[in-house]
Amino acid sequence: MPSPSTSTSYFCHESSYIDANVDIGSGTKIWHFCHILPNTRIGQNCSLGQNVVLGPDVIVGNGCKIQNNVSIYKGVTLEDDVFCGPSCVFTNVLTPRANVSRAGEFLDTRVKKGASIGANATIVCGNEIGEYSLIAAGSVITKPVKPHALMAGVPAKQIGWVSHSGEILDETLTCPKTGEVYEIDGGQLKKC
């Protein structure tokens, strides 16, 4: 059975495990076969799909959606409203070996507010994923990602820009969903 947290206003499926020293925000839902390791903080109104592993020492912001089969280990921080697609991967060491301890070599990875990571994408540790960026399914991120960048490929390259609401922008830099207009200033996308 899951152990209690500082909050009881979240849902946890009976098949999931929550270790000691975990803080879970109200409105969060933890579905089947998940494991939340010690010293992990999960914000409010998050959704953890089937077979998600978080921790130890992981921070997940408010409003995050972590789909099935995602493991987020020490060194990874998700800011608010981050989407992690099914089976996306976060690494934490650049040169792993089964017979060599690399625990002291973990590199931090930060996924900034509103970013989306597609299914089966891989995020190599030590990189920052910019606000409201979109990582295409199956991509491999090997370098920092600019805010609002649309990244695709192996290794991933920027192929365009996305709006605050995640819509791909054409040459007019106008969001087809909201009508918001953007401009490129110093290599960065900004709202006008």
Protein backbone atom coordinates (compact mmCIF):
# COMPACT_ATOMS: atom_id res chain seq x y z
CA MET A 1 0.00 0.00 0.00
CA PRO A 2 1.19 3.56 -0.66
CA SER A 3 2.60 5.40 2.30
CA PRO A 4 1.00 8.70 3.30
CA SER A 5 2.25 12.04 2.04
CA THR A 6 1.88 15.53 3.47
CA SER A 7 -1.29 15.79 1.38
CA THR A 8 -4.15 13.33 1.09
CA SER A 9 -5.99 15.22 -1.63
CA TYR A 10 -4.41 13.29 -4.50
CA PHE A 11 -5.30 9.95 -6.12
CA CYS A 12 -2.94 6.98 -6.12
CA HIS A 13 -3.87 3.65 -7.68
CA GLU A 14 -3.45 0.73 -5.27
CA SER A 15 -0.82 -0.91 -7.52
CA SER A 16 1.58 2.05 -7.15
CA TYR A 17 4.18 2.67 -4.42
CA ILE A 18 5.09 5.92 -2.73
CA ASP A 19 8.25 5.90 -0.61
CA ALA A 20 8.91 8.04 2.47
CA ASN A 21 9.64 11.77 2.30
CA VAL A 22 7.53 12.42 -0.79
CA ASP A 23 5.34 15.48 -1.25
CA ILE A 24 2.40 15.26 -3.65
CA GLY A 25 0.19 18.23 -4.51
CA SER A 26 -3.58 18.23 -4.42
CA GLY A 27 -5.44 17.09 -7.51
CA THR A 28 -2.55 14.93 -8.74
CA LYS A 29 -3.38 11.48 -10.13
CA ILE A 30 -0.92 8.58 -9.98
CA TRP A 31 -2.09 5.64 -12.07
CA HIS A 32 -1.15 1.93 -12.27
CA PHE A 33 2.30 0.48 -11.42
CA CYS A 34 4.08 3.75 -10.60
CA HIS A 35 6.92 4.16 -8.09
CA ILE A 36 7.70 7.48 -6.42
CA LEU A 37 11.12 7.35 -4.72
CA PRO A 38 12.27 9.34 -1.65
CA ASN A 39 12.67 13.10 -1.57
CA THR A 40 10.54 13.65 -4.66
CA ARG A 41 8.17 16.61 -4.96
CA ILE A 42 5.19 16.51 -7.31
CA GLY A 43 3.10 19.64 -7.81
CA GLN A 44 -0.63 20.09 -7.96
CA ASN A 45 -2.91 18.76 -10.70
CA CYS A 46 -0.32 16.47 -12.30
CA SER A 47 -1.08 13.21 -14.08
CA LEU A 48 1.31 10.24 -13.98
CA GLY A 49 0.39 7.49 -16.44
CA GLN A 50 1.00 3.79 -16.06
CA ASN A 51 4.51 2.60 -15.10
CA VAL A 52 6.03 6.00 -14.27
CA VAL A 53 9.09 6.13 -11.99
CA LEU A 54 10.10 9.41 -10.32
CA GLY A 55 13.14 9.93 -8.15
CA PRO A 56 14.91 9.99 -5.95
CA ASP A 57 15.29 13.75 -5.46
CA VAL A 58 13.16 14.79 -8.44
CA ILE A 59 11.04 17.94 -8.70
CA VAL A 60 7.91 18.01 -10.86
CA GLY A 61 6.03 21.31 -11.14
CA ASN A 62 2.30 21.96 -11.20
CA GLY A 63 0.11 20.79 -14.07
CA CYS A 64 2.61 18.32 -15.57
CA LYS A 65 1.47 15.32 -17.62
CA ILE A 66 3.84 12.36 -17.62
CA GLN A 67 2.58 9.63 -19.92
CA ASN A 68 3.09 5.85 -19.68
CA ASN A 69 6.54 4.25 -19.27
CA VAL A 70 8.55 7.36 -18.35
CA SER A 71 11.35 7.30 -15.76
CA ILE A 72 12.64 10.58 -14.37
CA TYR A 73 15.75 10.21 -12.23
CA LYS A 74 17.86 12.38 -9.93
CA GLY A 75 19.09 15.49 -11.70
CA VAL A 76 15.93 16.09 -13.75
CA THR A 77 13.57 18.96 -12.94
CA LEU A 78 10.28 19.58 -14.70
CA GLU A 79 8.87 23.09 -14.33
CA ASP A 80 5.11 23.78 -14.50
CA ASP A 81 2.91 22.48 -17.33
CA VAL A 82 5.49 20.15 -18.91
CA PHE A 83 4.25 17.28 -21.11
CA CYS A 84 6.32 14.07 -21.31
CA GLY A 85 5.06 11.76 -24.06
CA PRO A 86 4.87 7.98 -23.73
CA SER A 87 8.23 6.22 -23.28
CA CYS A 88 10.35 9.36 -23.55
CA VAL A 89 13.77 8.92 -21.95
CA PHE A 90 15.93 11.08 -19.69
CA THR A 91 19.57 10.10 -19.23
CA ASN A 92 21.63 11.24 -16.25
CA VAL A 93 25.20 10.19 -17.14
CA LEU A 94 27.09 10.81 -20.40
CA THR A 95 29.36 7.76 -20.31
CA PRO A 96 27.59 4.93 -18.46
CA ARG A 97 29.26 1.62 -17.64
CA ALA A 98 27.74 -1.25 -15.71
CA ASN A 99 30.96 -1.87 -13.80
CA VAL A 100 31.88 1.78 -13.06
CA SER A 101 29.99 3.90 -10.52
CA ARG A 102 29.04 7.25 -12.10
CA ALA A 103 26.71 8.53 -9.35
CA GLY A 104 28.97 11.52 -8.78
CA GLU A 105 28.80 12.42 -12.47
CA PHE A 106 25.05 12.97 -12.84
CA LEU A 107 24.32 16.05 -14.96
CA ASP A 108 21.29 18.24 -14.33
CA THR A 109 18.53 18.54 -16.91
CA ARG A 110 15.85 21.21 -16.65
CA VAL A 111 12.67 21.18 -18.71
CA LYS A 112 11.27 24.70 -18.64
CA LYS A 113 7.63 25.77 -18.27
CA GLY A 114 5.20 24.58 -20.91
CA ALA A 115 7.64 22.46 -22.91
CA SER A 116 6.42 19.26 -24.62
CA ILE A 117 8.48 16.15 -25.26
CA GLY A 118 7.11 13.69 -27.82
CA ALA A 119 6.79 9.92 -27.52
CA ASN A 120 10.07 7.96 -27.54
CA ALA A 121 12.22 11.11 -27.57
CA THR A 122 15.54 10.96 -25.69
CA ILE A 123 16.87 13.88 -23.66
CA VAL A 124 20.62 13.55 -23.10
CA CYS A 125 21.53 14.88 -19.66
CA GLY A 126 23.06 18.29 -19.03
CA ASN A 127 20.73 20.16 -21.38
CA GLU A 128 18.00 22.71 -20.78
CA ILE A 129 14.77 22.40 -22.72
CA GLY A 130 13.43 25.94 -23.30
CA GLU A 131 10.01 27.25 -22.37
CA TYR A 132 7.16 26.20 -24.66
CA SER A 133 9.49 24.26 -26.96
CA LEU A 134 8.30 21.13 -28.74
CA ILE A 135 10.47 18.04 -29.10
CA ALA A 136 9.18 15.81 -31.91
CA ALA A 137 8.52 12.12 -31.28
CA GLY A 138 11.64 9.97 -31.56
CA SER A 139 14.06 12.91 -31.48
CA VAL A 140 17.36 12.83 -29.59
CA ILE A 141 18.27 16.08 -27.80
CA THR A 142 22.05 16.51 -27.48
CA LYS A 143 22.26 20.28 -26.89
CA PRO A 144 20.26 23.04 -25.18
CA VAL A 145 16.92 23.92 -26.77
CA LYS A 146 15.75 27.53 -27.27
CA PRO A 147 12.35 28.64 -25.98
CA HIS A 148 9.56 27.95 -28.53
CA ALA A 149 11.92 25.87 -30.73
CA LEU A 150 10.54 22.97 -32.76
CA MET A 151 13.16 20.20 -32.62
CA ALA A 152 13.23 17.00 -34.68
CA GLY A 153 15.64 14.29 -35.77
CA VAL A 154 18.61 12.27 -34.55
CA PRO A 155 20.44 14.24 -33.36
CA ALA A 156 17.68 16.83 -33.13
CA LYS A 157 17.93 20.09 -35.03
CA GLN A 158 15.66 23.10 -34.89
CA ILE A 159 13.24 22.94 -37.82
CA GLY A 160 10.92 25.78 -36.84
CA TRP A 161 9.07 27.56 -34.07
CA VAL A 162 5.94 26.82 -32.04
CA SER A 163 3.55 29.22 -30.33
CA HIS A 164 2.75 29.39 -26.63
CA SER A 165 -0.16 26.99 -27.30
CA GLY A 166 2.06 24.52 -29.20
CA GLU A 167 1.00 25.34 -32.75
CA ILE A 168 3.65 25.21 -35.49
CA LEU A 169 4.28 28.70 -36.84
CA ASP A 170 4.65 29.46 -40.55
CA GLU A 171 6.67 32.35 -42.04
CA THR A 172 4.12 34.90 -40.74
CA LEU A 173 4.91 33.81 -37.16
CA THR A 174 1.19 34.02 -36.34
CA CYS A 175 -0.38 31.32 -34.18
CA PRO A 176 -3.14 29.64 -36.23
CA LYS A 177 -5.07 28.83 -33.04
CA THR A 178 -4.94 32.10 -31.08
CA GLY A 179 -3.88 34.73 -33.63
CA GLU A 180 -0.96 35.79 -31.43
CA VAL A 181 1.86 37.31 -33.47
CA TYR A 182 5.51 36.60 -32.74
CA GLU A 183 8.83 38.01 -33.94
CA ILE A 184 12.40 36.74 -33.95
CA ASP A 185 14.65 38.98 -31.89
CA GLY A 186 18.30 38.05 -31.44
CA GLY A 187 17.65 34.46 -32.49
CA GLN A 188 14.81 34.07 -29.97
CA LEU A 189 11.06 33.96 -30.60
CA LYS A 190 9.07 36.61 -28.71
CA LYS A 191 5.45 37.77 -28.66
CA CYS A 192 4.88 41.15 -30.32
